[in-house]
Amino acid sequence: MSVYASEQIDKIVAIDEAHAQLLTSLVMARKPNAVLEFGFGTGESCRAILRALRFNATPFRYELVDSWSDWSGSPPAEIQKPEYAEVQFITSGEQEYVAACSTKYQFIFSDADHRNTQRWFDYVYDNILDNEGILIYHDVTNSNMFPNLLSIYTDTVHKDYHHMLFNYNSRGEERCDRGMLIIFKH
């Protein structure tokens, strides 16, 4: 793992191990050829997705969108490492990217604009997520920090979308209670 400035460590919290392994397993099982991720953070989710895409040994397009606000507006040097060569990094805010996007993705993982992402949830589901696609939101039950994200879960339930919410801890050091919502489009 990269060494971060102390102020960045305070702002960035890696996805927990259970959710990272779940990401890997979902990508391995779904075998998407078009993947979109919002938010790099510590890179843990990116590495989890890449492990699965490489395991599948099929052609893929993997785009990762980040405004780099956690990094003072500039991408971290880590993304230049060879391990990320297959990822197309796009510098953009999540809202701007969504508004301009004309591409469909089979797998979308959102862990970026936690203060606003619920505002374009319907658009992402209806217009960017491909049929038979998987859409994932992290931190949806992290009500202390992002109570607005819970609306994505309540909208999902209200609209009767096929979904699973993973937000239980079994170990003291886990942070699964922050919640990972997986939505399956049919």
C-alpha atoms as a PDB file:
ATOM      1  CA  MET A   1       0.000   0.000   0.000  1.00  0.00           C
ATOM      2  CA  SER A   2       1.144   3.533  -0.739  1.00  0.00           C
ATOM      3  CA  VAL A   3       2.337   5.893   1.917  1.00  0.00           C
ATOM      4  CA  TYR A   4      -0.134   8.772   2.251  1.00  0.00           C
ATOM      5  CA  ALA A   5       0.308  12.175   3.814  1.00  0.00           C
ATOM      6  CA  SER A   6      -1.179  12.137   7.311  1.00  0.00           C
ATOM      7  CA  GLU A   7      -4.079  14.416   6.335  1.00  0.00           C
ATOM      8  CA  GLN A   8      -4.946  12.072   3.467  1.00  0.00           C
ATOM      9  CA  ILE A   9      -4.996   9.028   5.736  1.00  0.00           C
ATOM     10  CA  ASP A  10      -7.586  10.778   7.889  1.00  0.00           C
ATOM     11  CA  LYS A  11      -9.801  11.445   4.861  1.00  0.00           C
ATOM     12  CA  ILE A  12      -9.410   8.134   3.022  1.00  0.00           C
ATOM     13  CA  VAL A  13     -10.607   4.846   4.467  1.00  0.00           C
ATOM     14  CA  ALA A  14     -10.094   1.694   2.438  1.00  0.00           C
ATOM     15  CA  ILE A  15     -12.966  -0.583   1.618  1.00  0.00           C
ATOM     16  CA  ASP A  16     -13.078  -3.401   4.157  1.00  0.00           C
ATOM     17  CA  GLU A  17     -11.667  -6.831   3.300  1.00  0.00           C
ATOM     18  CA  ALA A  18     -15.040  -8.624   3.157  1.00  0.00           C
ATOM     19  CA  HIS A  19     -16.478  -6.110   0.686  1.00  0.00           C
ATOM     20  CA  ALA A  20     -13.285  -6.111  -1.395  1.00  0.00           C
ATOM     21  CA  GLN A  21     -13.451  -9.899  -1.705  1.00  0.00           C
ATOM     22  CA  LEU A  22     -17.139  -9.649  -2.587  1.00  0.00           C
ATOM     23  CA  LEU A  23     -16.265  -7.201  -5.390  1.00  0.00           C
ATOM     24  CA  THR A  24     -13.679  -9.633  -6.703  1.00  0.00           C
ATOM     25  CA  SER A  25     -16.133 -12.521  -6.605  1.00  0.00           C
ATOM     26  CA  LEU A  26     -18.914 -10.584  -8.333  1.00  0.00           C
ATOM     27  CA  VAL A  27     -16.620  -9.536 -11.179  1.00  0.00           C
ATOM     28  CA  MET A  28     -15.269 -13.071 -11.486  1.00  0.00           C
ATOM     29  CA  ALA A  29     -18.805 -14.470 -11.669  1.00  0.00           C
ATOM     30  CA  ARG A  30     -20.447 -11.791 -13.871  1.00  0.00           C
ATOM     31  CA  LYS A  31     -17.459 -11.546 -16.246  1.00  0.00           C
ATOM     32  CA  PRO A  32     -18.146  -7.990 -17.422  1.00  0.00           C
ATOM     33  CA  ASN A  33     -16.293  -6.562 -20.386  1.00  0.00           C
ATOM     34  CA  ALA A  34     -17.205  -2.960 -19.477  1.00  0.00           C
ATOM     35  CA  VAL A  35     -16.491  -1.775 -15.914  1.00  0.00           C
ATOM     36  CA  LEU A  36     -16.889   1.678 -14.402  1.00  0.00           C
ATOM     37  CA  GLU A  37     -15.669   2.716 -10.974  1.00  0.00           C
ATOM     38  CA  PHE A  38     -16.241   6.051  -9.274  1.00  0.00           C
ATOM     39  CA  GLY A  39     -13.534   6.932  -6.747  1.00  0.00           C
ATOM     40  CA  PHE A  40     -10.014   5.576  -6.310  1.00  0.00           C
ATOM     41  CA  GLY A  41      -9.547   6.204  -2.575  1.00  0.00           C
ATOM     42  CA  THR A  42      -6.735   3.937  -1.414  1.00  0.00           C
ATOM     43  CA  GLY A  43      -7.008   1.790  -4.551  1.00  0.00           C
ATOM     44  CA  GLU A  44      -8.190  -1.317  -2.690  1.00  0.00           C
ATOM     45  CA  SER A  45     -11.413  -1.671  -4.677  1.00  0.00           C
ATOM     46  CA  CYS A  46      -9.554  -1.028  -7.937  1.00  0.00           C
ATOM     47  CA  ARG A  47      -7.081  -3.800  -7.130  1.00  0.00           C
ATOM     48  CA  ALA A  48      -9.965  -6.145  -6.179  1.00  0.00           C
ATOM     49  CA  ILE A  49     -11.714  -5.518  -9.487  1.00  0.00           C
ATOM     50  CA  LEU A  50      -8.488  -5.875 -11.477  1.00  0.00           C
ATOM     51  CA  ARG A  51      -7.732  -9.244  -9.821  1.00  0.00           C
ATOM     52  CA  ALA A  52     -11.073 -10.542 -11.047  1.00  0.00           C
ATOM     53  CA  LEU A  53     -10.826  -9.082 -14.540  1.00  0.00           C
ATOM     54  CA  ARG A  54      -7.384 -10.639 -14.991  1.00  0.00           C
ATOM     55  CA  PHE A  55      -8.622 -13.960 -13.601  1.00  0.00           C
ATOM     56  CA  ASN A  56     -11.439 -13.997 -16.157  1.00  0.00           C
ATOM     57  CA  ALA A  57      -8.865 -13.742 -18.967  1.00  0.00           C
ATOM     58  CA  THR A  58     -11.322 -12.046 -21.331  1.00  0.00           C
ATOM     59  CA  PRO A  59     -11.009  -8.630 -22.998  1.00  0.00           C
ATOM     60  CA  PHE A  60     -12.287  -5.756 -20.866  1.00  0.00           C
ATOM     61  CA  ARG A  61     -12.558  -1.982 -20.665  1.00  0.00           C
ATOM     62  CA  TYR A  62     -12.101  -0.598 -17.145  1.00  0.00           C
ATOM     63  CA  GLU A  63     -12.617   3.105 -16.536  1.00  0.00           C
ATOM     64  CA  LEU A  64     -12.108   4.754 -13.162  1.00  0.00           C
ATOM     65  CA  VAL A  65     -13.439   8.276 -12.637  1.00  0.00           C
ATOM     66  CA  ASP A  66     -12.130  10.511  -9.868  1.00  0.00           C
ATOM     67  CA  SER A  67     -11.891  14.265  -9.317  1.00  0.00           C
ATOM     68  CA  TRP A  68      -8.868  13.586  -7.071  1.00  0.00           C
ATOM     69  CA  SER A  69     -10.288  15.878  -4.395  1.00  0.00           C
ATOM     70  CA  ASP A  70      -8.907  13.475  -1.764  1.00  0.00           C
ATOM     71  CA  TRP A  71      -5.518  14.105  -3.335  1.00  0.00           C
ATOM     72  CA  SER A  72      -5.577  17.936  -3.451  1.00  0.00           C
ATOM     73  CA  GLY A  73      -6.816  17.845  -7.057  1.00  0.00           C
ATOM     74  CA  SER A  74      -3.963  15.795  -8.527  1.00  0.00           C
ATOM     75  CA  PRO A  75      -3.912  12.028  -9.131  1.00  0.00           C
ATOM     76  CA  PRO A  76      -1.662  10.086  -6.749  1.00  0.00           C
ATOM     77  CA  ALA A  77       1.616   8.820  -8.181  1.00  0.00           C
ATOM     78  CA  GLU A  78       0.451   5.284  -7.386  1.00  0.00           C
ATOM     79  CA  ILE A  79      -1.833   5.162 -10.438  1.00  0.00           C
ATOM     80  CA  GLN A  80       1.278   5.315 -12.647  1.00  0.00           C
ATOM     81  CA  LYS A  81       2.398   1.897 -11.390  1.00  0.00           C
ATOM     82  CA  PRO A  82       2.363  -0.927 -13.957  1.00  0.00           C
ATOM     83  CA  GLU A  83      -0.289  -2.792 -11.941  1.00  0.00           C
ATOM     84  CA  TYR A  84      -2.822  -0.169 -13.067  1.00  0.00           C
ATOM     85  CA  ALA A  85      -1.843  -0.164 -16.767  1.00  0.00           C
ATOM     86  CA  GLU A  86      -5.178  -1.685 -17.816  1.00  0.00           C
ATOM     87  CA  VAL A  87      -7.227   0.996 -16.059  1.00  0.00           C
ATOM     88  CA  GLN A  88      -8.223   4.130 -17.924  1.00  0.00           C
ATOM     89  CA  PHE A  89      -8.179   6.873 -15.291  1.00  0.00           C
ATOM     90  CA  ILE A  90     -10.521   9.762 -16.062  1.00  0.00           C
ATOM     91  CA  THR A  91     -10.203  13.022 -14.164  1.00  0.00           C
ATOM     92  CA  SER A  92     -13.735  14.267 -13.660  1.00  0.00           C
ATOM     93  CA  GLY A  93     -16.327  14.829 -11.005  1.00  0.00           C
ATOM     94  CA  GLU A  94     -18.870  12.034 -10.737  1.00  0.00           C
ATOM     95  CA  GLN A  95     -21.810  14.275 -11.631  1.00  0.00           C
ATOM     96  CA  GLU A  96     -20.068  15.699 -14.697  1.00  0.00           C
ATOM     97  CA  TYR A  97     -19.070  12.262 -15.932  1.00  0.00           C
ATOM     98  CA  VAL A  98     -22.570  10.832 -15.461  1.00  0.00           C
ATOM     99  CA  ALA A  99     -24.183  13.782 -17.263  1.00  0.00           C
ATOM    100  CA  ALA A 100     -21.891  13.362 -20.293  1.00  0.00           C
ATOM    101  CA  CYS A 101     -21.779   9.544 -20.360  1.00  0.00           C
ATOM    102  CA  SER A 102     -23.181   7.794 -23.427  1.00  0.00           C
ATOM    103  CA  THR A 103     -21.642   4.392 -22.691  1.00  0.00           C
ATOM    104  CA  LYS A 104     -23.280   1.386 -21.014  1.00  0.00           C
ATOM    105  CA  TYR A 105     -21.429  -0.666 -18.413  1.00  0.00           C
ATOM    106  CA  GLN A 106     -22.091  -4.173 -17.148  1.00  0.00           C
ATOM    107  CA  PHE A 107     -20.510  -3.472 -13.770  1.00  0.00           C
ATOM    108  CA  ILE A 108     -20.485  -0.148 -11.914  1.00  0.00           C
ATOM    109  CA  PHE A 109     -18.970   0.462  -8.482  1.00  0.00           C
ATOM    110  CA  SER A 110     -19.620   3.839  -6.863  1.00  0.00           C
ATOM    111  CA  ASP A 111     -17.572   4.975  -3.885  1.00  0.00           C
ATOM    112  CA  ALA A 112     -16.844   8.624  -4.720  1.00  0.00           C
ATOM    113  CA  ASP A 113     -19.159  11.611  -4.289  1.00  0.00           C
ATOM    114  CA  HIS A 114     -20.789  10.484  -1.054  1.00  0.00           C
ATOM    115  CA  ARG A 115     -22.515  13.815  -0.505  1.00  0.00           C
ATOM    116  CA  ASN A 116     -24.377  13.868  -3.834  1.00  0.00           C
ATOM    117  CA  THR A 117     -24.342  10.517  -5.654  1.00  0.00           C
ATOM    118  CA  GLN A 118     -27.945   9.757  -4.670  1.00  0.00           C
ATOM    119  CA  ARG A 119     -29.035  12.670  -6.903  1.00  0.00           C
ATOM    120  CA  TRP A 120     -28.130  10.833 -10.118  1.00  0.00           C
ATOM    121  CA  PHE A 121     -28.840   7.272  -8.953  1.00  0.00           C
ATOM    122  CA  ASP A 122     -31.912   6.913 -11.205  1.00  0.00           C
ATOM    123  CA  TYR A 123     -29.999   8.181 -14.238  1.00  0.00           C
ATOM    124  CA  VAL A 124     -27.120   5.769 -13.657  1.00  0.00           C
ATOM    125  CA  TYR A 125     -29.490   2.817 -13.220  1.00  0.00           C
ATOM    126  CA  ASP A 126     -31.700   3.699 -16.196  1.00  0.00           C
ATOM    127  CA  ASN A 127     -29.121   4.974 -18.703  1.00  0.00           C
ATOM    128  CA  ILE A 128     -25.594   3.856 -17.850  1.00  0.00           C
ATOM    129  CA  LEU A 129     -26.080   0.404 -16.324  1.00  0.00           C
ATOM    130  CA  ASP A 130     -26.493  -2.238 -19.034  1.00  0.00           C
ATOM    131  CA  ASN A 131     -29.290  -4.798 -18.883  1.00  0.00           C
ATOM    132  CA  GLU A 132     -28.210  -7.701 -16.696  1.00  0.00           C
ATOM    133  CA  GLY A 133     -25.697  -5.333 -15.098  1.00  0.00           C
ATOM    134  CA  ILE A 134     -24.577  -4.963 -11.490  1.00  0.00           C
ATOM    135  CA  LEU A 135     -24.556  -1.576  -9.745  1.00  0.00           C
ATOM    136  CA  ILE A 136     -22.855  -1.226  -6.363  1.00  0.00           C
ATOM    137  CA  TYR A 137     -22.836   1.616  -3.860  1.00  0.00           C
ATOM    138  CA  HIS A 138     -20.506   1.652  -0.869  1.00  0.00           C
ATOM    139  CA  ASP A 139     -21.203   3.369   2.487  1.00  0.00           C
ATOM    140  CA  VAL A 140     -25.011   3.377   2.081  1.00  0.00           C
ATOM    141  CA  THR A 141     -25.595   2.611   5.774  1.00  0.00           C
ATOM    142  CA  ASN A 142     -22.812   4.856   7.077  1.00  0.00           C
ATOM    143  CA  SER A 143     -25.474   7.141   8.540  1.00  0.00           C
ATOM    144  CA  ASN A 144     -23.084   8.999  10.845  1.00  0.00           C
ATOM    145  CA  MET A 145     -21.130  10.368   7.900  1.00  0.00           C
ATOM    146  CA  PHE A 146     -23.430  10.076   4.872  1.00  0.00           C
ATOM    147  CA  PRO A 147     -27.109   9.835   5.849  1.00  0.00           C
ATOM    148  CA  ASN A 148     -28.100  10.893   2.312  1.00  0.00           C
ATOM    149  CA  LEU A 149     -26.757   7.634   0.839  1.00  0.00           C
ATOM    150  CA  LEU A 150     -29.414   5.655   2.663  1.00  0.00           C
ATOM    151  CA  SER A 151     -31.908   7.084   0.152  1.00  0.00           C
ATOM    152  CA  ILE A 152     -30.295   4.934  -2.549  1.00  0.00           C
ATOM    153  CA  TYR A 153     -31.172   1.872  -0.509  1.00  0.00           C
ATOM    154  CA  THR A 154     -34.715   3.057   0.263  1.00  0.00           C
ATOM    155  CA  ASP A 155     -35.282   3.937  -3.429  1.00  0.00           C
ATOM    156  CA  THR A 156     -34.014   0.495  -4.423  1.00  0.00           C
ATOM    157  CA  VAL A 157     -36.473  -1.175  -2.050  1.00  0.00           C
ATOM    158  CA  HIS A 158     -39.344   1.114  -3.083  1.00  0.00           C
ATOM    159  CA  LYS A 159     -38.750   0.431  -6.792  1.00  0.00           C
ATOM    160  CA  ASP A 160     -38.499  -3.296  -6.096  1.00  0.00           C
ATOM    161  CA  TYR A 161     -35.071  -3.628  -7.738  1.00  0.00           C
ATOM    162  CA  HIS A 162     -33.333  -6.935  -7.122  1.00  0.00           C
ATOM    163  CA  HIS A 163     -30.671  -6.212  -4.536  1.00  0.00           C
ATOM    164  CA  MET A 164     -28.649  -7.349  -1.537  1.00  0.00           C
ATOM    165  CA  LEU A 165     -27.356  -5.166   1.279  1.00  0.00           C
ATOM    166  CA  PHE A 166     -24.214  -6.296   3.087  1.00  0.00           C
ATOM    167  CA  ASN A 167     -23.744  -4.327   6.303  1.00  0.00           C
ATOM    168  CA  TYR A 168     -22.969  -6.672   9.210  1.00  0.00           C
ATOM    169  CA  ASN A 169     -19.700  -7.107  11.076  1.00  0.00           C
ATOM    170  CA  SER A 170     -18.588 -10.382  12.586  1.00  0.00           C
ATOM    171  CA  ARG A 171     -15.200  -9.122  13.772  1.00  0.00           C
ATOM    172  CA  GLY A 172     -14.296  -6.065  15.790  1.00  0.00           C
ATOM    173  CA  GLU A 173     -11.978  -4.579  13.184  1.00  0.00           C
ATOM    174  CA  GLU A 174     -14.403  -4.895  10.294  1.00  0.00           C
ATOM    175  CA  ARG A 175     -16.178  -1.914   8.818  1.00  0.00           C
ATOM    176  CA  CYS A 176     -18.861  -3.817   6.903  1.00  0.00           C
ATOM    177  CA  ASP A 177     -21.527  -1.905   8.818  1.00  0.00           C
ATOM    178  CA  ARG A 178     -20.851   1.028   6.476  1.00  0.00           C
ATOM    179  CA  GLY A 179     -22.881  -0.993   3.992  1.00  0.00           C
ATOM    180  CA  MET A 180     -22.416  -2.210   0.449  1.00  0.00           C
ATOM    181  CA  LEU A 181     -25.569  -2.249  -1.673  1.00  0.00           C
ATOM    182  CA  ILE A 182     -25.550  -4.502  -4.724  1.00  0.00           C
ATOM    183  CA  ILE A 183     -28.306  -3.934  -7.277  1.00  0.00           C
ATOM    184  CA  PHE A 184     -28.988  -6.404 -10.084  1.00  0.00           C
ATOM    185  CA  LYS A 185     -30.677  -5.005 -13.192  1.00  0.00           C
ATOM    186  CA  HIS A 186     -33.052  -7.279 -15.063  1.00  0.00           C
END
